C-alpha atoms as a PDB file:
ATOM      1  CA  MET A   1      68.845  91.861  68.326  1.00  0.00           C
ATOM      2  CA  VAL A   2      70.458  95.186  69.125  1.00  0.00           C
ATOM      3  CA  GLY A   3      70.316  98.236  66.889  1.00  0.00           C
ATOM      4  CA  VAL A   4      73.546  99.870  65.719  1.00  0.00           C
ATOM      5  CA  ARG A   5      73.195 103.663  65.834  1.00  0.00           C
ATOM      6  CA  ILE A   6      75.216 106.847  65.716  1.00  0.00           C
ATOM      7  CA  PRO A   7      75.997 108.001  69.283  1.00  0.00           C
ATOM      8  CA  ALA A   8      73.020 109.902  70.761  1.00  0.00           C
ATOM      9  CA  GLU A   9      75.232 112.820  71.851  1.00  0.00           C
ATOM     10  CA  ALA A  10      76.084 113.445  68.186  1.00  0.00           C
ATOM     11  CA  TRP A  11      72.541 114.749  67.716  1.00  0.00           C
ATOM     12  CA  ASP A  12      72.799 117.322  70.569  1.00  0.00           C
ATOM     13  CA  GLY A  13      72.065 120.766  69.183  1.00  0.00           C
ATOM     14  CA  VAL A  14      71.163 119.430  65.731  1.00  0.00           C
ATOM     15  CA  GLU A  15      67.992 120.868  64.224  1.00  0.00           C
ATOM     16  CA  GLU A  16      65.007 118.480  64.141  1.00  0.00           C
ATOM     17  CA  GLY A  17      64.578 116.859  60.725  1.00  0.00           C
ATOM     18  CA  THR A  18      68.302 116.959  59.870  1.00  0.00           C
ATOM     19  CA  GLU A  19      69.642 113.773  58.311  1.00  0.00           C
ATOM     20  CA  ALA A  20      73.121 112.260  58.476  1.00  0.00           C
ATOM     21  CA  LEU A  21      75.039 110.484  55.704  1.00  0.00           C
ATOM     22  CA  LEU A  22      76.332 106.979  56.300  1.00  0.00           C
ATOM     23  CA  GLU A  23      79.712 107.381  54.630  1.00  0.00           C
ATOM     24  CA  ARG A  24      81.111 103.852  54.780  1.00  0.00           C
ATOM     25  CA  TRP A  25      80.620 100.413  56.314  1.00  0.00           C
ATOM     26  CA  PHE A  26      83.702  98.591  57.613  1.00  0.00           C
ATOM     27  CA  VAL A  27      81.739  95.334  57.984  1.00  0.00           C
ATOM     28  CA  ARG A  28      79.284  93.247  55.960  1.00  0.00           C
ATOM     29  CA  GLU A  29      76.219  91.246  56.914  1.00  0.00           C
ATOM     30  CA  GLY A  30      77.317  88.092  58.716  1.00  0.00           C
ATOM     31  CA  ASP A  31      80.608  89.560  59.997  1.00  0.00           C
ATOM     32  CA  VAL A  32      81.506  88.919  63.633  1.00  0.00           C
ATOM     33  CA  VAL A  33      82.338  92.059  65.637  1.00  0.00           C
ATOM     34  CA  ALA A  34      83.666  92.818  69.104  1.00  0.00           C
ATOM     35  CA  ALA A  35      82.061  95.302  71.487  1.00  0.00           C
ATOM     36  CA  GLY A  36      83.451  98.763  70.719  1.00  0.00           C
ATOM     37  CA  GLN A  37      84.763  97.760  67.287  1.00  0.00           C
ATOM     38  CA  PRO A  38      84.277 100.483  64.644  1.00  0.00           C
ATOM     39  CA  VAL A  39      81.694  99.277  62.115  1.00  0.00           C
ATOM     40  CA  ALA A  40      80.938 102.430  60.089  1.00  0.00           C
ATOM     41  CA  THR A  41      81.512 106.163  59.686  1.00  0.00           C
ATOM     42  CA  ALA A  42      78.835 108.804  59.274  1.00  0.00           C
ATOM     43  CA  ILE A  43      78.782 112.530  58.590  1.00  0.00           C
ATOM     44  CA  LEU A  44      76.410 114.747  60.552  1.00  0.00           C
ATOM     45  CA  VAL A  45      76.516 118.528  60.090  1.00  0.00           C
ATOM     46  CA  LYS A  46      80.070 118.550  58.640  1.00  0.00           C
ATOM     47  CA  THR A  47      81.394 116.269  61.404  1.00  0.00           C
ATOM     48  CA  ASN A  48      82.610 112.694  60.933  1.00  0.00           C
ATOM     49  CA  TYR A  49      81.520 110.144  63.531  1.00  0.00           C
ATOM     50  CA  GLU A  50      82.845 106.649  64.036  1.00  0.00           C
ATOM     51  CA  ILE A  51      80.052 104.198  64.822  1.00  0.00           C
ATOM     52  CA  ALA A  52      81.040 101.296  67.053  1.00  0.00           C
ATOM     53  CA  ALA A  53      79.315  98.019  67.876  1.00  0.00           C
ATOM     54  CA  SER A  54      77.574  98.322  71.240  1.00  0.00           C
ATOM     55  CA  ALA A  55      78.079  94.609  71.978  1.00  0.00           C
ATOM     56  CA  ALA A  56      79.943  91.590  70.669  1.00  0.00           C
ATOM     57  CA  GLY A  57      78.009  89.647  68.073  1.00  0.00           C
ATOM     58  CA  ARG A  58      77.235  89.175  64.399  1.00  0.00           C
ATOM     59  CA  ILE A  59      75.928  91.811  61.968  1.00  0.00           C
ATOM     60  CA  ALA A  60      72.565  90.281  61.112  1.00  0.00           C
ATOM     61  CA  LYS A  61      71.196  92.956  58.757  1.00  0.00           C
ATOM     62  CA  ILE A  62      72.427  96.280  57.384  1.00  0.00           C
ATOM     63  CA  LEU A  63      69.453  98.634  57.224  1.00  0.00           C
ATOM     64  CA  VAL A  64      71.080 101.776  55.751  1.00  0.00           C
ATOM     65  CA  ALA A  65      73.397 101.345  52.764  1.00  0.00           C
ATOM     66  CA  ALA A  66      76.677 103.219  52.369  1.00  0.00           C
ATOM     67  CA  GLN A  67      76.046 106.744  51.033  1.00  0.00           C
ATOM     68  CA  GLY A  68      72.450 106.528  52.316  1.00  0.00           C
ATOM     69  CA  THR A  69      70.922 109.042  54.697  1.00  0.00           C
ATOM     70  CA  PHE A  70      69.295 108.424  58.060  1.00  0.00           C
ATOM     71  CA  GLY A  71      67.558 110.366  60.798  1.00  0.00           C
ATOM     72  CA  ARG A  72      67.726 110.677  64.564  1.00  0.00           C
ATOM     73  CA  ASP A  73      67.099 107.434  66.530  1.00  0.00           C
ATOM     74  CA  GLN A  74      67.239 105.287  63.383  1.00  0.00           C
ATOM     75  CA  ASP A  75      68.931 101.878  63.489  1.00  0.00           C
ATOM     76  CA  LEU A  76      71.658 101.530  60.853  1.00  0.00           C
ATOM     77  CA  ALA A  77      72.079  97.782  61.295  1.00  0.00           C
ATOM     78  CA  LEU A  78      70.891  94.946  63.506  1.00  0.00           C
ATOM     79  CA  LEU A  79      73.405  93.129  65.688  1.00  0.00           C
ATOM     80  CA  GLU A  80      72.780  89.599  66.927  1.00  0.00           C
ATOM     81  CA  GLU A  81      74.480  89.531  70.327  1.00  0.00           C
ATOM     82  CA  ALA A  82      76.940  86.739  71.052  1.00  0.00           C
ATOM     83  CA  ALA A  83      75.907  84.175  73.640  1.00  0.00           C
ATOM     84  CA  VAL A  84      78.251  83.988  76.624  1.00  0.00           C
ATOM     85  CA  GLY A  85      80.855  81.272  76.168  1.00  0.00           C
ATOM     86  CA  ARG A  86      80.476  80.768  72.425  1.00  0.00           C
ATOM     87  CA  PRO A  87      81.035  82.948  69.374  1.00  0.00           C
ATOM     88  CA  PRO A  88      77.951  84.178  67.446  1.00  0.00           C
ATOM     89  CA  GLY A  89      76.588  81.740  64.904  1.00  0.00           C
ATOM     90  CA  GLY A  90      78.580  78.903  66.474  1.00  0.00           C
ATOM     91  CA  ALA A  91      81.592  79.639  64.242  1.00  0.00           C
ATOM     92  CA  ALA A  92      85.098  80.494  65.286  1.00  0.00           C
ATOM     93  CA  ALA A  93      85.556  84.208  65.938  1.00  0.00           C
ATOM     94  CA  ALA A  94      88.840  84.328  63.994  1.00  0.00           C
ATOM     95  CA  PRO A  95      90.472  81.932  61.577  1.00  0.00           C
ATOM     96  CA  ALA A  96      93.488  80.024  62.828  1.00  0.00           C
ATOM     97  CA  THR A  97      96.759  81.589  61.773  1.00  0.00           C
ATOM     98  CA  PRO A  98      99.772  79.266  61.892  1.00  0.00           C
ATOM     99  CA  GLY A  99     102.535  80.430  64.222  1.00  0.00           C
ATOM    100  CA  LEU A 100     100.409  82.973  66.082  1.00  0.00           C
ATOM    101  CA  PRO A 101      98.724  82.576  69.461  1.00  0.00           C
ATOM    102  CA  PRO A 102      94.891  82.764  69.291  1.00  0.00           C
ATOM    103  CA  ALA A 103      94.737  86.352  70.618  1.00  0.00           C
ATOM    104  CA  ALA A 104      97.264  87.599  68.051  1.00  0.00           C
ATOM    105  CA  ALA A 105      95.508  85.660  65.270  1.00  0.00           C
ATOM    106  CA  ALA A 106      92.181  87.294  66.162  1.00  0.00           C
ATOM    107  CA  GLU A 107      93.777  90.741  66.077  1.00  0.00           C
ATOM    108  CA  ALA A 108      95.496  90.004  62.749  1.00  0.00           C
ATOM    109  CA  ALA A 109      92.193  88.850  61.267  1.00  0.00           C
ATOM    110  CA  VAL A 110      90.426  92.184  61.892  1.00  0.00           C
ATOM    111  CA  THR A 111      93.303  94.486  60.944  1.00  0.00           C
ATOM    112  CA  GLU A 112      92.423  96.275  57.733  1.00  0.00           C
ATOM    113  CA  ARG A 113      93.816  99.454  56.212  1.00  0.00           C
ATOM    114  CA  ILE A 114      90.957 101.807  55.369  1.00  0.00           C
ATOM    115  CA  PRO A 115      91.700 104.976  53.383  1.00  0.00           C
ATOM    116  CA  LEU A 116      90.472 108.253  54.834  1.00  0.00           C
ATOM    117  CA  SER A 117      87.679 109.926  52.936  1.00  0.00           C
ATOM    118  CA  GLY A 118      85.586 113.045  53.225  1.00  0.00           C
ATOM    119  CA  LEU A 119      86.951 116.008  55.142  1.00  0.00           C
ATOM    120  CA  ARG A 120      89.465 113.892  57.076  1.00  0.00           C
ATOM    121  CA  GLY A 121      90.856 112.516  53.818  1.00  0.00           C
ATOM    122  CA  ILE A 122      91.283 115.996  52.338  1.00  0.00           C
ATOM    123  CA  ILE A 123      93.076 117.222  55.466  1.00  0.00           C
ATOM    124  CA  ALA A 124      95.334 114.157  55.557  1.00  0.00           C
ATOM    125  CA  ARG A 125      96.290 114.514  51.878  1.00  0.00           C
ATOM    126  CA  ASN A 126      97.009 118.258  52.236  1.00  0.00           C
ATOM    127  CA  MET A 127      99.120 117.730  55.367  1.00  0.00           C
ATOM    128  CA  THR A 128     101.082 114.949  53.658  1.00  0.00           C
ATOM    129  CA  ALA A 129     101.688 117.097  50.568  1.00  0.00           C
ATOM    130  CA  ALA A 130     102.827 120.045  52.708  1.00  0.00           C
ATOM    131  CA  TRP A 131     105.173 117.828  54.715  1.00  0.00           C
ATOM    132  CA  GLN A 132     106.699 116.399  51.528  1.00  0.00           C
ATOM    133  CA  THR A 133     107.052 119.642  49.532  1.00  0.00           C
ATOM    134  CA  VAL A 134     107.595 122.512  51.994  1.00  0.00           C
ATOM    135  CA  PRO A 135     111.104 122.757  53.443  1.00  0.00           C
ATOM    136  CA  ARG A 136     111.226 122.468  57.199  1.00  0.00           C
ATOM    137  CA  VAL A 137     113.389 125.218  58.648  1.00  0.00           C
ATOM    138  CA  ALA A 138     113.820 126.279  62.235  1.00  0.00           C
ATOM    139  CA  ALA A 139     115.102 129.727  63.145  1.00  0.00           C
ATOM    140  CA  GLY A 140     115.892 131.103  66.554  1.00  0.00           C
ATOM    141  CA  LEU A 141     116.688 134.530  67.920  1.00  0.00           C
ATOM    142  CA  GLU A 142     118.070 135.356  71.324  1.00  0.00           C
ATOM    143  CA  VAL A 143     117.062 138.689  72.818  1.00  0.00           C
ATOM    144  CA  ASP A 144     118.389 140.152  76.067  1.00  0.00           C
ATOM    145  CA  VAL A 145     115.488 142.004  77.656  1.00  0.00           C
ATOM    146  CA  ASN A 146     117.326 142.734  80.924  1.00  0.00           C
ATOM    147  CA  VAL A 147     119.439 145.544  79.466  1.00  0.00           C
ATOM    148  CA  SER A 148     118.376 148.982  80.688  1.00  0.00           C
ATOM    149  CA  SER A 149     117.376 151.458  78.004  1.00  0.00           C
ATOM    150  CA  PRO A 150     119.848 154.181  77.140  1.00  0.00           C
ATOM    151  CA  GLU A 151     119.017 157.718  78.229  1.00  0.00           C
ATOM    152  CA  VAL A 152     117.610 159.879  75.519  1.00  0.00           C
ATOM    153  CA  PRO A 153     119.088 163.467  75.459  1.00  0.00           C
END
């Protein structure tokens, strides 16, 4: 079993005893994940961090619930690493999708639209509203700076 944690460098410069908020899980217990796949987001000192699986495997146990807090060096979940040559738990990594090659079917199975939340969500909504309501105008002005100045009497 491997622990899933926020990246260690996220804690650089953070005061001892500070806790982070686990904002959202993208996976559930029993889900199969690929190495590097985003599994959760967390907020630490006003900064959002994406937490990725450190190895391919199956989420065996979620230790910190969504909207729960956690400290430095704390495991958020336990990951059962996949054995080489077979998917974790002996099951197929992705369901068969008719008409798609296996690689495309696996990618289609993990594609999910996740709404932005927290600070990123606020910024995204404000930028979208500005783009939709504020007219976009471009103005240009040509200035000749090579002209010598007139003599002053």
